[in-house]
C-alpha cells in the first residue's frame, strides 16, 4: 500500500509503502477500506512516480499512523523523503485525510 502526504500545493505526494509486517487483521482491514474507496483512475492531485504506480487507485480517505526508524532523503518518492522501515501503528478514524501530517510538517523533522 502506497502512503502519501499533503503538500502545500494541494497535491498528495508519496513517502512510503507499507504491507510487509502487517498482521492478518490489519491487512484485511486495510484491504477492505481500500476496496471501499477504490476509483477507476489516478486522482489528479496524486504525484506518483511511474515506478510506484499501484495496481489499484483509491480516493484519499484512509488515514494511518506510521512508525519508522528514520526519515531519509529519497530520489524515489515524490515528496523527496522516505520513511525507512515504515510500520502501520493504527488506523486514524478520528482524523480526516486533510488533518494528517503534511509535507510542510515533515520539513521540520531532522533528515538523516
N, C-alpha and C. Protein backbone atom coordinates (compact mmCIF):
# COMPACT_ATOMS: atom_id res chain seq x y z
N UNK A 1 0.84 -1.17 0.00
CA UNK A 1 0.00 0.00 0.00
C UNK A 1 0.89 1.24 0.00
N UNK A 2 0.60 2.17 -0.88
CA UNK A 2 1.36 3.40 -1.03
C UNK A 2 0.83 4.45 -0.06
N UNK A 3 1.74 5.15 0.61
CA UNK A 3 1.37 6.17 1.60
C UNK A 3 1.81 7.54 1.08
N UNK A 4 0.95 8.53 1.24
CA UNK A 4 1.27 9.87 0.78
C UNK A 4 1.01 10.93 1.84
N UNK A 5 1.52 12.13 1.57
CA UNK A 5 1.31 13.29 2.44
C UNK A 5 0.82 14.45 1.59
N UNK A 6 0.06 15.34 2.22
CA UNK A 6 -0.48 16.50 1.53
C UNK A 6 0.57 17.60 1.46
N UNK A 7 0.82 18.10 0.26
CA UNK A 7 1.78 19.18 0.05
C UNK A 7 1.05 20.53 0.03
N UNK A 8 1.82 21.61 0.09
CA UNK A 8 1.24 22.96 0.11
C UNK A 8 0.41 23.27 -1.12
N UNK A 9 0.74 22.66 -2.23
CA UNK A 9 0.02 22.92 -3.48
C UNK A 9 -1.20 22.02 -3.64
N UNK A 10 -1.65 21.43 -2.54
CA UNK A 10 -2.82 20.53 -2.51
C UNK A 10 -2.61 19.24 -3.30
N UNK A 11 -1.37 18.92 -3.60
CA UNK A 11 -1.07 17.64 -4.21
C UNK A 11 -0.73 16.64 -3.11
N UNK A 12 -0.98 15.37 -3.38
CA UNK A 12 -0.63 14.32 -2.43
C UNK A 12 0.59 13.60 -3.01
N UNK A 13 1.68 13.62 -2.23
CA UNK A 13 2.96 13.08 -2.70
C UNK A 13 3.35 11.85 -1.89
N UNK A 14 4.01 10.91 -2.56
CA UNK A 14 4.38 9.65 -1.92
C UNK A 14 5.52 9.82 -0.93
N UNK A 15 5.47 8.99 0.13
CA UNK A 15 6.54 9.00 1.13
C UNK A 15 6.93 7.59 1.59
N UNK A 16 6.07 6.60 1.38
CA UNK A 16 6.38 5.25 1.86
C UNK A 16 5.46 4.23 1.21
N UNK A 17 5.85 2.98 1.35
CA UNK A 17 4.99 1.85 1.02
C UNK A 17 4.93 0.97 2.27
N UNK A 18 3.73 0.51 2.60
CA UNK A 18 3.59 -0.41 3.73
C UNK A 18 2.91 -1.68 3.23
N UNK A 19 3.12 -2.75 3.93
CA UNK A 19 2.49 -4.02 3.55
C UNK A 19 3.11 -5.18 4.29
N UNK A 20 4.42 -5.28 4.22
CA UNK A 20 5.08 -6.34 4.98
C UNK A 20 5.01 -5.97 6.45
N UNK A 21 4.83 -6.94 7.28
CA UNK A 21 4.76 -6.69 8.71
C UNK A 21 3.36 -6.41 9.23
N UNK A 22 2.39 -6.30 8.34
CA UNK A 22 1.02 -6.12 8.79
C UNK A 22 0.51 -7.42 9.38
N UNK A 23 -0.28 -7.33 10.43
CA UNK A 23 -0.94 -8.53 10.94
C UNK A 23 -2.02 -8.92 9.94
N UNK A 24 -2.52 -10.13 10.04
CA UNK A 24 -3.60 -10.56 9.16
C UNK A 24 -4.82 -9.64 9.31
N UNK A 25 -5.13 -9.26 10.54
CA UNK A 25 -6.27 -8.37 10.79
C UNK A 25 -6.05 -6.99 10.18
N UNK A 26 -4.84 -6.44 10.34
CA UNK A 26 -4.53 -5.13 9.77
C UNK A 26 -4.63 -5.17 8.25
N UNK A 27 -4.07 -6.23 7.66
CA UNK A 27 -4.12 -6.35 6.21
C UNK A 27 -5.56 -6.43 5.72
N UNK A 28 -6.37 -7.26 6.38
CA UNK A 28 -7.77 -7.42 5.98
C UNK A 28 -8.53 -6.10 6.11
N UNK A 29 -8.28 -5.38 7.21
CA UNK A 29 -8.97 -4.10 7.41
C UNK A 29 -8.53 -3.07 6.37
N UNK A 30 -7.24 -2.99 6.10
CA UNK A 30 -6.73 -2.04 5.12
C UNK A 30 -7.25 -2.38 3.72
N UNK A 31 -7.27 -3.65 3.40
CA UNK A 31 -7.79 -4.09 2.09
C UNK A 31 -9.26 -3.73 1.95
N UNK A 32 -10.05 -3.96 3.00
CA UNK A 32 -11.47 -3.63 2.95
C UNK A 32 -11.67 -2.12 2.78
N UNK A 33 -10.92 -1.33 3.53
CA UNK A 33 -11.02 0.12 3.42
C UNK A 33 -10.63 0.59 2.02
N UNK A 34 -9.57 0.01 1.46
CA UNK A 34 -9.14 0.39 0.11
C UNK A 34 -10.18 -0.01 -0.92
N UNK A 35 -10.77 -1.19 -0.77
CA UNK A 35 -11.81 -1.63 -1.70
C UNK A 35 -13.00 -0.67 -1.70
N UNK A 36 -13.33 -0.14 -0.52
CA UNK A 36 -14.49 0.75 -0.39
C UNK A 36 -14.27 2.12 -1.02
N UNK A 37 -13.03 2.54 -1.18
CA UNK A 37 -12.79 3.86 -1.77
C UNK A 37 -11.97 3.78 -3.06
N UNK A 38 -12.05 2.63 -3.73
CA UNK A 38 -11.35 2.44 -5.00
C UNK A 38 -11.95 3.34 -6.07
N UNK A 39 -11.08 3.89 -6.93
CA UNK A 39 -11.51 4.71 -8.06
C UNK A 39 -10.92 4.13 -9.34
N UNK A 40 -11.48 4.54 -10.48
CA UNK A 40 -11.09 3.96 -11.76
C UNK A 40 -9.73 4.42 -12.28
N UNK A 41 -9.32 5.64 -11.89
CA UNK A 41 -8.05 6.16 -12.39
C UNK A 41 -7.35 6.96 -11.31
N UNK A 42 -6.09 7.28 -11.55
CA UNK A 42 -5.30 8.05 -10.59
C UNK A 42 -5.94 9.42 -10.39
N UNK A 43 -6.23 9.79 -9.14
CA UNK A 43 -6.74 11.14 -8.89
C UNK A 43 -5.72 12.18 -9.33
N UNK A 44 -6.20 13.28 -9.90
CA UNK A 44 -5.33 14.32 -10.45
C UNK A 44 -4.36 14.89 -9.43
N UNK A 45 -4.75 14.94 -8.17
CA UNK A 45 -3.89 15.56 -7.16
C UNK A 45 -2.75 14.66 -6.69
N UNK A 46 -2.73 13.40 -7.11
CA UNK A 46 -1.67 12.47 -6.72
C UNK A 46 -0.43 12.69 -7.58
N UNK A 47 0.73 12.80 -6.93
CA UNK A 47 2.01 12.88 -7.64
C UNK A 47 2.75 11.58 -7.30
N UNK A 48 2.72 10.66 -8.26
CA UNK A 48 3.27 9.32 -8.03
C UNK A 48 4.23 8.96 -9.17
N UNK A 49 5.49 8.70 -8.85
CA UNK A 49 6.42 8.26 -9.89
C UNK A 49 5.93 6.96 -10.53
N UNK A 50 6.17 6.83 -11.83
CA UNK A 50 5.72 5.64 -12.56
C UNK A 50 6.19 4.34 -11.90
N UNK A 51 7.39 4.35 -11.32
CA UNK A 51 7.93 3.15 -10.68
C UNK A 51 7.10 2.72 -9.47
N UNK A 52 6.28 3.62 -8.94
CA UNK A 52 5.50 3.31 -7.74
C UNK A 52 4.00 3.17 -8.02
N UNK A 53 3.60 3.21 -9.29
CA UNK A 53 2.18 3.11 -9.60
C UNK A 53 1.60 1.83 -9.00
N UNK A 54 0.54 1.94 -8.22
CA UNK A 54 -0.09 0.75 -7.64
C UNK A 54 -1.00 0.06 -8.65
N UNK A 55 -1.44 -1.12 -8.32
CA UNK A 55 -2.38 -1.85 -9.17
C UNK A 55 -3.77 -1.23 -9.12
N UNK A 56 -4.10 -0.61 -7.99
CA UNK A 56 -5.42 -0.04 -7.77
C UNK A 56 -5.26 1.34 -7.15
N UNK A 57 -6.09 2.28 -7.58
CA UNK A 57 -6.09 3.63 -7.01
C UNK A 57 -7.26 3.77 -6.05
N UNK A 58 -7.04 4.52 -4.98
CA UNK A 58 -8.12 4.81 -4.02
C UNK A 58 -8.18 6.32 -3.80
N UNK A 59 -9.37 6.80 -3.45
CA UNK A 59 -9.51 8.22 -3.13
C UNK A 59 -8.86 8.47 -1.77
N UNK A 60 -8.45 9.71 -1.49
CA UNK A 60 -7.72 9.99 -0.25
C UNK A 60 -8.65 10.04 0.96
N UNK A 61 -8.96 8.88 1.52
CA UNK A 61 -9.86 8.82 2.66
C UNK A 61 -9.26 8.08 3.85
N UNK A 62 -8.29 7.24 3.61
CA UNK A 62 -7.73 6.39 4.66
C UNK A 62 -6.59 7.13 5.35
N UNK A 63 -6.67 7.25 6.67
CA UNK A 63 -5.60 7.89 7.44
C UNK A 63 -4.99 6.83 8.35
N UNK A 64 -3.67 6.70 8.27
CA UNK A 64 -2.97 5.73 9.10
C UNK A 64 -1.85 6.43 9.87
N UNK A 65 -1.52 5.86 11.01
CA UNK A 65 -0.36 6.32 11.78
C UNK A 65 0.77 5.34 11.49
N UNK A 66 1.90 5.88 11.05
CA UNK A 66 3.03 5.06 10.65
C UNK A 66 4.21 5.33 11.57
N UNK A 67 4.87 4.28 12.02
CA UNK A 67 6.14 4.41 12.74
C UNK A 67 7.24 4.04 11.75
N UNK A 68 8.40 4.66 11.93
CA UNK A 68 9.53 4.35 11.05
C UNK A 68 10.82 4.53 11.83
N UNK A 69 11.88 3.89 11.36
CA UNK A 69 13.17 4.02 12.02
C UNK A 69 13.78 5.40 11.80
N UNK A 70 13.56 5.95 10.61
CA UNK A 70 14.08 7.29 10.34
C UNK A 70 13.43 7.85 9.08
N UNK A 71 13.60 9.15 8.91
CA UNK A 71 13.16 9.86 7.72
C UNK A 71 14.41 10.22 6.93
N UNK A 72 14.49 9.76 5.69
CA UNK A 72 15.68 9.98 4.88
C UNK A 72 15.33 10.71 3.59
N UNK A 73 16.35 11.27 2.95
CA UNK A 73 16.15 11.86 1.63
C UNK A 73 15.85 10.72 0.66
N UNK A 74 15.02 11.00 -0.34
CA UNK A 74 14.65 9.95 -1.27
C UNK A 74 14.55 10.49 -2.70
N UNK A 75 15.28 9.87 -3.63
CA UNK A 75 15.11 10.24 -5.03
C UNK A 75 13.89 9.55 -5.66
N UNK A 76 13.32 8.57 -4.95
CA UNK A 76 12.20 7.80 -5.49
C UNK A 76 10.84 8.41 -5.17
N UNK A 77 10.61 8.76 -3.91
CA UNK A 77 9.30 9.28 -3.51
C UNK A 77 9.15 10.74 -3.91
N UNK A 78 7.95 11.09 -4.34
CA UNK A 78 7.70 12.42 -4.90
C UNK A 78 7.79 13.55 -3.88
N UNK A 79 7.72 13.25 -2.58
CA UNK A 79 7.88 14.30 -1.57
C UNK A 79 9.37 14.59 -1.31
N UNK A 80 10.26 13.74 -1.84
CA UNK A 80 11.69 13.94 -1.67
C UNK A 80 12.26 13.32 -0.41
N UNK A 81 11.42 12.63 0.33
CA UNK A 81 11.83 11.96 1.57
C UNK A 81 11.18 10.58 1.59
N UNK A 82 11.70 9.72 2.46
CA UNK A 82 11.11 8.39 2.61
C UNK A 82 11.18 7.97 4.06
N UNK A 83 10.18 7.22 4.48
CA UNK A 83 10.19 6.62 5.81
C UNK A 83 10.94 5.30 5.69
N UNK A 84 11.97 5.13 6.51
CA UNK A 84 12.75 3.89 6.47
C UNK A 84 12.13 2.88 7.42
N UNK A 85 11.88 1.68 6.93
CA UNK A 85 11.22 0.60 7.66
C UNK A 85 9.89 1.06 8.25
N UNK A 86 8.97 1.54 7.39
CA UNK A 86 7.67 2.01 7.89
C UNK A 86 6.80 0.85 8.37
N UNK A 87 6.07 1.10 9.46
CA UNK A 87 5.18 0.09 10.04
C UNK A 87 3.86 0.75 10.41
N UNK A 88 2.78 0.06 10.11
CA UNK A 88 1.46 0.56 10.49
C UNK A 88 1.30 0.44 12.00
N UNK A 89 0.98 1.57 12.64
CA UNK A 89 0.73 1.58 14.08
C UNK A 89 -0.76 1.40 14.33
N UNK A 90 -1.55 2.25 13.64
CA UNK A 90 -3.00 2.15 13.81
C UNK A 90 -3.70 2.96 12.73
N UNK A 91 -4.97 2.66 12.58
CA UNK A 91 -5.83 3.43 11.69
C UNK A 91 -6.33 4.65 12.46
N UNK A 92 -6.38 5.80 11.82
CA UNK A 92 -6.80 7.03 12.48
C UNK A 92 -8.20 7.43 12.01
N UNK A 93 -9.19 6.73 12.53
CA UNK A 93 -10.58 7.03 12.19
C UNK A 93 -11.01 8.38 12.77
N UNK A 94 -10.23 8.91 13.71
CA UNK A 94 -10.55 10.19 14.34
C UNK A 94 -10.09 11.39 13.52
N UNK A 95 -9.38 11.14 12.41
CA UNK A 95 -8.86 12.23 11.58
C UNK A 95 -9.35 12.08 10.15
N UNK A 96 -9.57 13.23 9.51
CA UNK A 96 -9.81 13.25 8.08
C UNK A 96 -8.45 13.36 7.41
N UNK A 97 -8.37 12.98 6.15
CA UNK A 97 -7.07 12.98 5.48
C UNK A 97 -6.45 14.38 5.42
N UNK A 98 -7.28 15.41 5.41
CA UNK A 98 -6.77 16.78 5.37
C UNK A 98 -6.10 17.17 6.69
N UNK A 99 -6.32 16.40 7.75
CA UNK A 99 -5.74 16.69 9.07
C UNK A 99 -4.47 15.89 9.34
N UNK A 100 -4.10 15.04 8.43
CA UNK A 100 -2.91 14.20 8.62
C UNK A 100 -1.64 15.04 8.47
N UNK A 101 -0.51 14.47 8.85
CA UNK A 101 0.79 15.15 8.73
C UNK A 101 1.01 15.59 7.28
N UNK A 102 1.46 16.83 7.12
CA UNK A 102 1.67 17.39 5.79
C UNK A 102 3.15 17.38 5.42
N UNK A 103 3.41 17.65 4.15
CA UNK A 103 4.79 17.73 3.68
C UNK A 103 5.53 18.86 4.39
N UNK A 104 4.84 19.97 4.66
CA UNK A 104 5.46 21.09 5.37
C UNK A 104 5.87 20.68 6.78
N UNK A 105 5.02 19.94 7.47
CA UNK A 105 5.36 19.46 8.81
C UNK A 105 6.56 18.53 8.77
N UNK A 106 6.67 17.74 7.71
CA UNK A 106 7.83 16.85 7.57
C UNK A 106 9.13 17.63 7.39
N UNK A 107 9.04 18.83 6.81
CA UNK A 107 10.24 19.66 6.63
C UNK A 107 10.89 19.99 7.97
N UNK A 108 10.10 20.01 9.03
CA UNK A 108 10.61 20.35 10.36
C UNK A 108 11.23 19.16 11.09
N UNK A 109 11.18 18.00 10.46
CA UNK A 109 11.76 16.80 11.06
C UNK A 109 13.19 16.66 10.56
N UNK A 110 14.09 16.35 11.45
CA UNK A 110 15.51 16.19 11.09
C UNK A 110 15.68 15.07 10.08
N UNK A 111 16.36 15.35 8.98
CA UNK A 111 16.61 14.34 7.95
C UNK A 111 18.01 13.77 8.14
N UNK A 112 18.08 12.44 8.12
CA UNK A 112 19.38 11.76 8.29
C UNK A 112 20.26 11.95 7.07
